[in-house]
Amino acid sequence: MASRPSPSSRLLFLLACSGCLVFALLAGAEVHQHEFVVQETPVKRLCKTHNVITVNGQMPGPTLEVREGDTLEINVVNQAQHNVTIHWHGIRQLRTGWADGPEFVTQCPIKPGGSYKYRFTVEGQEGTLWWHAHSSWLRATVYGALIIRPKENNTYPFDKPAREVPLLLGITRVTPGFI
């Protein structure tokens, strides 16, 4: 005659099954870590050099590429003389509203000399989005692409492109003493 499993062995079995399920769901998901240094950078426009606020000395800023299900960790270091926040335009901030970026709405601005780490998981989204400063006129020069590809081994809903080139358009009006 077989004995019934004890409540503790049933609990252990359920925990093991749950762990396997979580592992299966997270398999393939990666954590992408980046550092954005917001700083003044001399940029030549119309034959004149102007100091503009950039990310990592680039304008537009870095292109971020992830897969659906991946987690992004971006440490923003503010070396500029202006408050700044970064908004991840179009990202559904599920349970991570504090990473959305509107200053004085979901977070305090990152003060000059300060830093802030954004962390969120891209869930249920694919496509090309963008990130940008959410502080006053800084959005004119502090921006970049955010490309979300399908999960590994998932197909596109169309023929896979032979080549992709992200194209970001920015309009910057240079006014002496302003940007």
C-alpha atoms as a PDB file:
ATOM      1  CA  MET A   1       0.000   0.000   0.000  1.00  0.00           C
ATOM      2  CA  ALA A   2       1.440   3.344  -1.072  1.00  0.00           C
ATOM      3  CA  SER A   3       1.637   6.152   1.429  1.00  0.00           C
ATOM      4  CA  ARG A   4       0.395   9.628   0.669  1.00  0.00           C
ATOM      5  CA  PRO A   5       3.020  12.342   0.170  1.00  0.00           C
ATOM      6  CA  SER A   6       3.424  14.664   3.120  1.00  0.00           C
ATOM      7  CA  PRO A   7       2.291  18.305   2.805  1.00  0.00           C
ATOM      8  CA  SER A   8       5.924  19.451   2.901  1.00  0.00           C
ATOM      9  CA  SER A   9       6.916  17.171  -0.002  1.00  0.00           C
ATOM     10  CA  ARG A  10       3.926  18.425  -2.028  1.00  0.00           C
ATOM     11  CA  LEU A  11       5.011  22.010  -1.338  1.00  0.00           C
ATOM     12  CA  LEU A  12       8.567  21.182  -2.375  1.00  0.00           C
ATOM     13  CA  PHE A  13       7.269  19.611  -5.603  1.00  0.00           C
ATOM     14  CA  LEU A  14       5.148  22.704  -6.384  1.00  0.00           C
ATOM     15  CA  LEU A  15       8.086  25.026  -5.726  1.00  0.00           C
ATOM     16  CA  ALA A  16      10.308  22.964  -8.035  1.00  0.00           C
ATOM     17  CA  CYS A  17       7.666  23.074 -10.792  1.00  0.00           C
ATOM     18  CA  SER A  18       7.243  26.838 -10.327  1.00  0.00           C
ATOM     19  CA  GLY A  19      11.004  27.333 -10.535  1.00  0.00           C
ATOM     20  CA  CYS A  20      11.152  25.367 -13.781  1.00  0.00           C
ATOM     21  CA  LEU A  21       8.306  27.437 -15.217  1.00  0.00           C
ATOM     22  CA  VAL A  22       9.981  30.734 -14.292  1.00  0.00           C
ATOM     23  CA  PHE A  23      13.280  29.518 -15.756  1.00  0.00           C
ATOM     24  CA  ALA A  24      11.545  28.506 -19.006  1.00  0.00           C
ATOM     25  CA  LEU A  25       9.850  31.903 -19.281  1.00  0.00           C
ATOM     26  CA  LEU A  26      13.067  33.812 -18.667  1.00  0.00           C
ATOM     27  CA  ALA A  27      15.276  31.628 -20.841  1.00  0.00           C
ATOM     28  CA  GLY A  28      16.816  33.730 -23.557  1.00  0.00           C
ATOM     29  CA  ALA A  29      15.954  37.058 -21.935  1.00  0.00           C
ATOM     30  CA  GLU A  30      18.989  39.256 -21.379  1.00  0.00           C
ATOM     31  CA  VAL A  31      19.838  42.256 -19.238  1.00  0.00           C
ATOM     32  CA  HIS A  32      21.370  45.059 -21.329  1.00  0.00           C
ATOM     33  CA  GLN A  33      23.408  47.561 -19.332  1.00  0.00           C
ATOM     34  CA  HIS A  34      24.302  50.990 -20.694  1.00  0.00           C
ATOM     35  CA  GLU A  35      25.706  54.217 -19.349  1.00  0.00           C
ATOM     36  CA  PHE A  36      24.462  57.530 -20.702  1.00  0.00           C
ATOM     37  CA  VAL A  37      26.696  60.486 -19.865  1.00  0.00           C
ATOM     38  CA  VAL A  38      24.735  63.694 -20.487  1.00  0.00           C
ATOM     39  CA  GLN A  39      27.302  66.400 -21.215  1.00  0.00           C
ATOM     40  CA  GLU A  40      28.120  69.538 -23.174  1.00  0.00           C
ATOM     41  CA  THR A  41      29.844  68.716 -26.451  1.00  0.00           C
ATOM     42  CA  PRO A  42      31.211  71.088 -29.104  1.00  0.00           C
ATOM     43  CA  VAL A  43      29.281  70.411 -32.327  1.00  0.00           C
ATOM     44  CA  LYS A  44      29.875  72.115 -35.670  1.00  0.00           C
ATOM     45  CA  ARG A  45      26.703  73.310 -37.411  1.00  0.00           C
ATOM     46  CA  LEU A  46      26.587  75.745 -40.321  1.00  0.00           C
ATOM     47  CA  CYS A  47      30.368  76.273 -40.168  1.00  0.00           C
ATOM     48  CA  LYS A  48      30.276  77.332 -36.509  1.00  0.00           C
ATOM     49  CA  THR A  49      31.009  75.355 -33.383  1.00  0.00           C
ATOM     50  CA  HIS A  50      28.393  75.420 -30.628  1.00  0.00           C
ATOM     51  CA  ASN A  51      28.234  73.615 -27.304  1.00  0.00           C
ATOM     52  CA  VAL A  52      25.170  71.368 -27.224  1.00  0.00           C
ATOM     53  CA  ILE A  53      23.962  68.831 -24.689  1.00  0.00           C
ATOM     54  CA  THR A  54      24.547  65.265 -25.921  1.00  0.00           C
ATOM     55  CA  VAL A  55      24.625  61.695 -24.636  1.00  0.00           C
ATOM     56  CA  ASN A  56      28.095  60.141 -24.670  1.00  0.00           C
ATOM     57  CA  GLY A  57      29.238  62.951 -26.976  1.00  0.00           C
ATOM     58  CA  GLN A  58      26.861  61.801 -29.742  1.00  0.00           C
ATOM     59  CA  MET A  59      23.943  63.535 -31.425  1.00  0.00           C
ATOM     60  CA  PRO A  60      21.726  61.632 -31.889  1.00  0.00           C
ATOM     61  CA  GLY A  61      22.608  59.481 -28.906  1.00  0.00           C
ATOM     62  CA  PRO A  62      23.279  55.736 -28.836  1.00  0.00           C
ATOM     63  CA  THR A  63      20.911  53.308 -30.538  1.00  0.00           C
ATOM     64  CA  LEU A  64      19.697  50.652 -28.098  1.00  0.00           C
ATOM     65  CA  GLU A  65      18.859  47.216 -29.534  1.00  0.00           C
ATOM     66  CA  VAL A  66      17.027  44.604 -27.464  1.00  0.00           C
ATOM     67  CA  ARG A  67      14.690  41.655 -27.912  1.00  0.00           C
ATOM     68  CA  GLU A  68      11.156  41.440 -26.597  1.00  0.00           C
ATOM     69  CA  GLY A  69      11.406  40.173 -23.020  1.00  0.00           C
ATOM     70  CA  ASP A  70      14.852  41.691 -22.374  1.00  0.00           C
ATOM     71  CA  THR A  71      15.552  44.062 -19.498  1.00  0.00           C
ATOM     72  CA  LEU A  72      17.256  47.422 -19.947  1.00  0.00           C
ATOM     73  CA  GLU A  73      19.390  49.041 -17.257  1.00  0.00           C
ATOM     74  CA  ILE A  74      20.559  52.514 -18.193  1.00  0.00           C
ATOM     75  CA  ASN A  75      22.613  54.518 -15.731  1.00  0.00           C
ATOM     76  CA  VAL A  76      22.241  58.203 -16.633  1.00  0.00           C
ATOM     77  CA  VAL A  77      25.056  60.423 -15.341  1.00  0.00           C
ATOM     78  CA  ASN A  78      24.289  64.142 -15.609  1.00  0.00           C
ATOM     79  CA  GLN A  79      27.468  66.118 -16.293  1.00  0.00           C
ATOM     80  CA  ALA A  80      25.541  68.993 -17.876  1.00  0.00           C
ATOM     81  CA  GLN A  81      24.500  72.159 -16.065  1.00  0.00           C
ATOM     82  CA  HIS A  82      20.776  71.472 -16.481  1.00  0.00           C
ATOM     83  CA  ASN A  83      18.339  69.043 -14.855  1.00  0.00           C
ATOM     84  CA  VAL A  84      17.477  66.088 -17.086  1.00  0.00           C
ATOM     85  CA  THR A  85      15.257  63.003 -17.265  1.00  0.00           C
ATOM     86  CA  ILE A  86      14.985  60.404 -20.038  1.00  0.00           C
ATOM     87  CA  HIS A  87      11.627  59.208 -21.403  1.00  0.00           C
ATOM     88  CA  TRP A  88      11.395  55.850 -23.186  1.00  0.00           C
ATOM     89  CA  HIS A  89       8.809  56.872 -25.773  1.00  0.00           C
ATOM     90  CA  GLY A  90       6.224  54.176 -26.430  1.00  0.00           C
ATOM     91  CA  ILE A  91       7.509  51.686 -23.845  1.00  0.00           C
ATOM     92  CA  ARG A  92       4.695  50.236 -21.776  1.00  0.00           C
ATOM     93  CA  GLN A  93       5.972  50.720 -18.241  1.00  0.00           C
ATOM     94  CA  LEU A  94       4.271  47.752 -16.604  1.00  0.00           C
ATOM     95  CA  ARG A  95       5.001  47.851 -12.868  1.00  0.00           C
ATOM     96  CA  THR A  96       7.921  50.257 -13.517  1.00  0.00           C
ATOM     97  CA  GLY A  97       6.205  53.636 -13.779  1.00  0.00           C
ATOM     98  CA  TRP A  98       9.119  55.338 -11.994  1.00  0.00           C
ATOM     99  CA  ALA A  99      11.274  54.523 -15.063  1.00  0.00           C
ATOM    100  CA  ASP A 100       9.025  56.448 -17.470  1.00  0.00           C
ATOM    101  CA  GLY A 101      10.934  59.739 -17.261  1.00  0.00           C
ATOM    102  CA  PRO A 102       8.533  62.710 -17.067  1.00  0.00           C
ATOM    103  CA  GLU A 103      10.155  64.990 -14.515  1.00  0.00           C
ATOM    104  CA  PHE A 104       8.057  65.875 -11.474  1.00  0.00           C
ATOM    105  CA  VAL A 105       5.463  63.292 -12.595  1.00  0.00           C
ATOM    106  CA  THR A 106       7.137  59.899 -12.180  1.00  0.00           C
ATOM    107  CA  GLN A 107      10.541  61.034 -10.953  1.00  0.00           C
ATOM    108  CA  CYS A 108      12.508  64.025  -9.771  1.00  0.00           C
ATOM    109  CA  PRO A 109      14.934  65.382 -12.357  1.00  0.00           C
ATOM    110  CA  ILE A 110      18.534  64.233 -12.313  1.00  0.00           C
ATOM    111  CA  LYS A 111      20.403  67.251 -11.020  1.00  0.00           C
ATOM    112  CA  PRO A 112      23.788  68.340 -12.412  1.00  0.00           C
ATOM    113  CA  GLY A 113      26.426  66.004 -10.979  1.00  0.00           C
ATOM    114  CA  GLY A 114      23.791  63.370 -10.128  1.00  0.00           C
ATOM    115  CA  SER A 115      22.859  60.025 -11.628  1.00  0.00           C
ATOM    116  CA  TYR A 116      19.819  57.760 -11.878  1.00  0.00           C
ATOM    117  CA  LYS A 117      19.466  54.134 -12.987  1.00  0.00           C
ATOM    118  CA  TYR A 118      16.465  53.305 -15.175  1.00  0.00           C
ATOM    119  CA  ARG A 119      15.481  49.625 -15.162  1.00  0.00           C
ATOM    120  CA  PHE A 120      12.561  48.114 -17.046  1.00  0.00           C
ATOM    121  CA  THR A 121      11.628  45.020 -19.029  1.00  0.00           C
ATOM    122  CA  VAL A 122      10.313  45.288 -22.580  1.00  0.00           C
ATOM    123  CA  GLU A 123       7.171  43.155 -22.568  1.00  0.00           C
ATOM    124  CA  GLY A 124       4.764  42.486 -25.430  1.00  0.00           C
ATOM    125  CA  GLN A 125       6.341  45.012 -27.797  1.00  0.00           C
ATOM    126  CA  GLU A 126       8.356  44.919 -31.008  1.00  0.00           C
ATOM    127  CA  GLY A 127       9.350  47.702 -33.352  1.00  0.00           C
ATOM    128  CA  THR A 128      11.385  50.878 -33.538  1.00  0.00           C
ATOM    129  CA  LEU A 129      10.754  53.425 -30.814  1.00  0.00           C
ATOM    130  CA  TRP A 130      12.855  56.234 -29.433  1.00  0.00           C
ATOM    131  CA  TRP A 131      14.095  57.692 -26.189  1.00  0.00           C
ATOM    132  CA  HIS A 132      14.521  61.395 -25.480  1.00  0.00           C
ATOM    133  CA  ALA A 133      15.118  63.927 -22.737  1.00  0.00           C
ATOM    134  CA  HIS A 134      11.902  64.957 -21.050  1.00  0.00           C
ATOM    135  CA  SER A 135      13.265  68.212 -19.723  1.00  0.00           C
ATOM    136  CA  SER A 136      12.533  71.483 -21.482  1.00  0.00           C
ATOM    137  CA  TRP A 137      14.569  72.097 -24.646  1.00  0.00           C
ATOM    138  CA  LEU A 138      17.036  69.233 -24.023  1.00  0.00           C
ATOM    139  CA  ARG A 139      14.809  66.940 -26.084  1.00  0.00           C
ATOM    140  CA  ALA A 140      16.158  68.781 -29.160  1.00  0.00           C
ATOM    141  CA  THR A 141      19.604  67.178 -28.810  1.00  0.00           C
ATOM    142  CA  VAL A 142      19.255  64.350 -26.257  1.00  0.00           C
ATOM    143  CA  TYR A 143      17.535  61.492 -28.122  1.00  0.00           C
ATOM    144  CA  GLY A 144      18.171  58.168 -29.834  1.00  0.00           C
ATOM    145  CA  ALA A 145      16.576  55.030 -31.272  1.00  0.00           C
ATOM    146  CA  LEU A 146      15.286  52.043 -29.309  1.00  0.00           C
ATOM    147  CA  ILE A 147      14.939  48.962 -31.526  1.00  0.00           C
ATOM    148  CA  ILE A 148      12.962  46.010 -30.138  1.00  0.00           C
ATOM    149  CA  ARG A 149      13.366  42.798 -32.106  1.00  0.00           C
ATOM    150  CA  PRO A 150      11.197  39.674 -31.724  1.00  0.00           C
ATOM    151  CA  LYS A 151      12.198  37.046 -29.171  1.00  0.00           C
ATOM    152  CA  GLU A 152      14.939  34.673 -30.294  1.00  0.00           C
ATOM    153  CA  ASN A 153      13.583  32.086 -32.784  1.00  0.00           C
ATOM    154  CA  ASN A 154      10.363  34.080 -33.313  1.00  0.00           C
ATOM    155  CA  THR A 155       9.674  35.211 -36.837  1.00  0.00           C
ATOM    156  CA  TYR A 156       8.775  38.639 -38.104  1.00  0.00           C
ATOM    157  CA  PRO A 157       5.186  39.057 -39.354  1.00  0.00           C
ATOM    158  CA  PHE A 158       6.783  39.880 -42.743  1.00  0.00           C
ATOM    159  CA  ASP A 159       9.848  38.801 -44.728  1.00  0.00           C
ATOM    160  CA  LYS A 160      13.017  39.469 -42.752  1.00  0.00           C
ATOM    161  CA  PRO A 161      14.659  42.627 -44.109  1.00  0.00           C
ATOM    162  CA  ALA A 162      17.953  42.176 -45.947  1.00  0.00           C
ATOM    163  CA  ARG A 163      19.287  45.307 -44.259  1.00  0.00           C
ATOM    164  CA  GLU A 164      18.093  47.827 -41.708  1.00  0.00           C
ATOM    165  CA  VAL A 165      19.237  51.419 -41.271  1.00  0.00           C
ATOM    166  CA  PRO A 166      17.753  53.402 -38.370  1.00  0.00           C
ATOM    167  CA  LEU A 167      16.973  56.936 -39.495  1.00  0.00           C
ATOM    168  CA  LEU A 168      16.467  59.655 -36.891  1.00  0.00           C
ATOM    169  CA  LEU A 169      15.552  63.163 -37.906  1.00  0.00           C
ATOM    170  CA  GLY A 170      16.285  66.068 -35.621  1.00  0.00           C
ATOM    171  CA  ILE A 171      15.839  69.764 -36.102  1.00  0.00           C
ATOM    172  CA  THR A 172      18.086  72.006 -34.091  1.00  0.00           C
ATOM    173  CA  ARG A 173      17.835  75.751 -34.366  1.00  0.00           C
ATOM    174  CA  VAL A 174      21.081  77.217 -33.141  1.00  0.00           C
ATOM    175  CA  THR A 175      20.533  80.470 -31.290  1.00  0.00           C
ATOM    176  CA  PRO A 176      23.670  82.046 -29.815  1.00  0.00           C
ATOM    177  CA  GLY A 177      23.750  81.499 -26.081  1.00  0.00           C
ATOM    178  CA  PHE A 178      20.808  79.068 -26.103  1.00  0.00           C
ATOM    179  CA  ILE A 179      21.947  75.685 -27.420  1.00  0.00           C
END
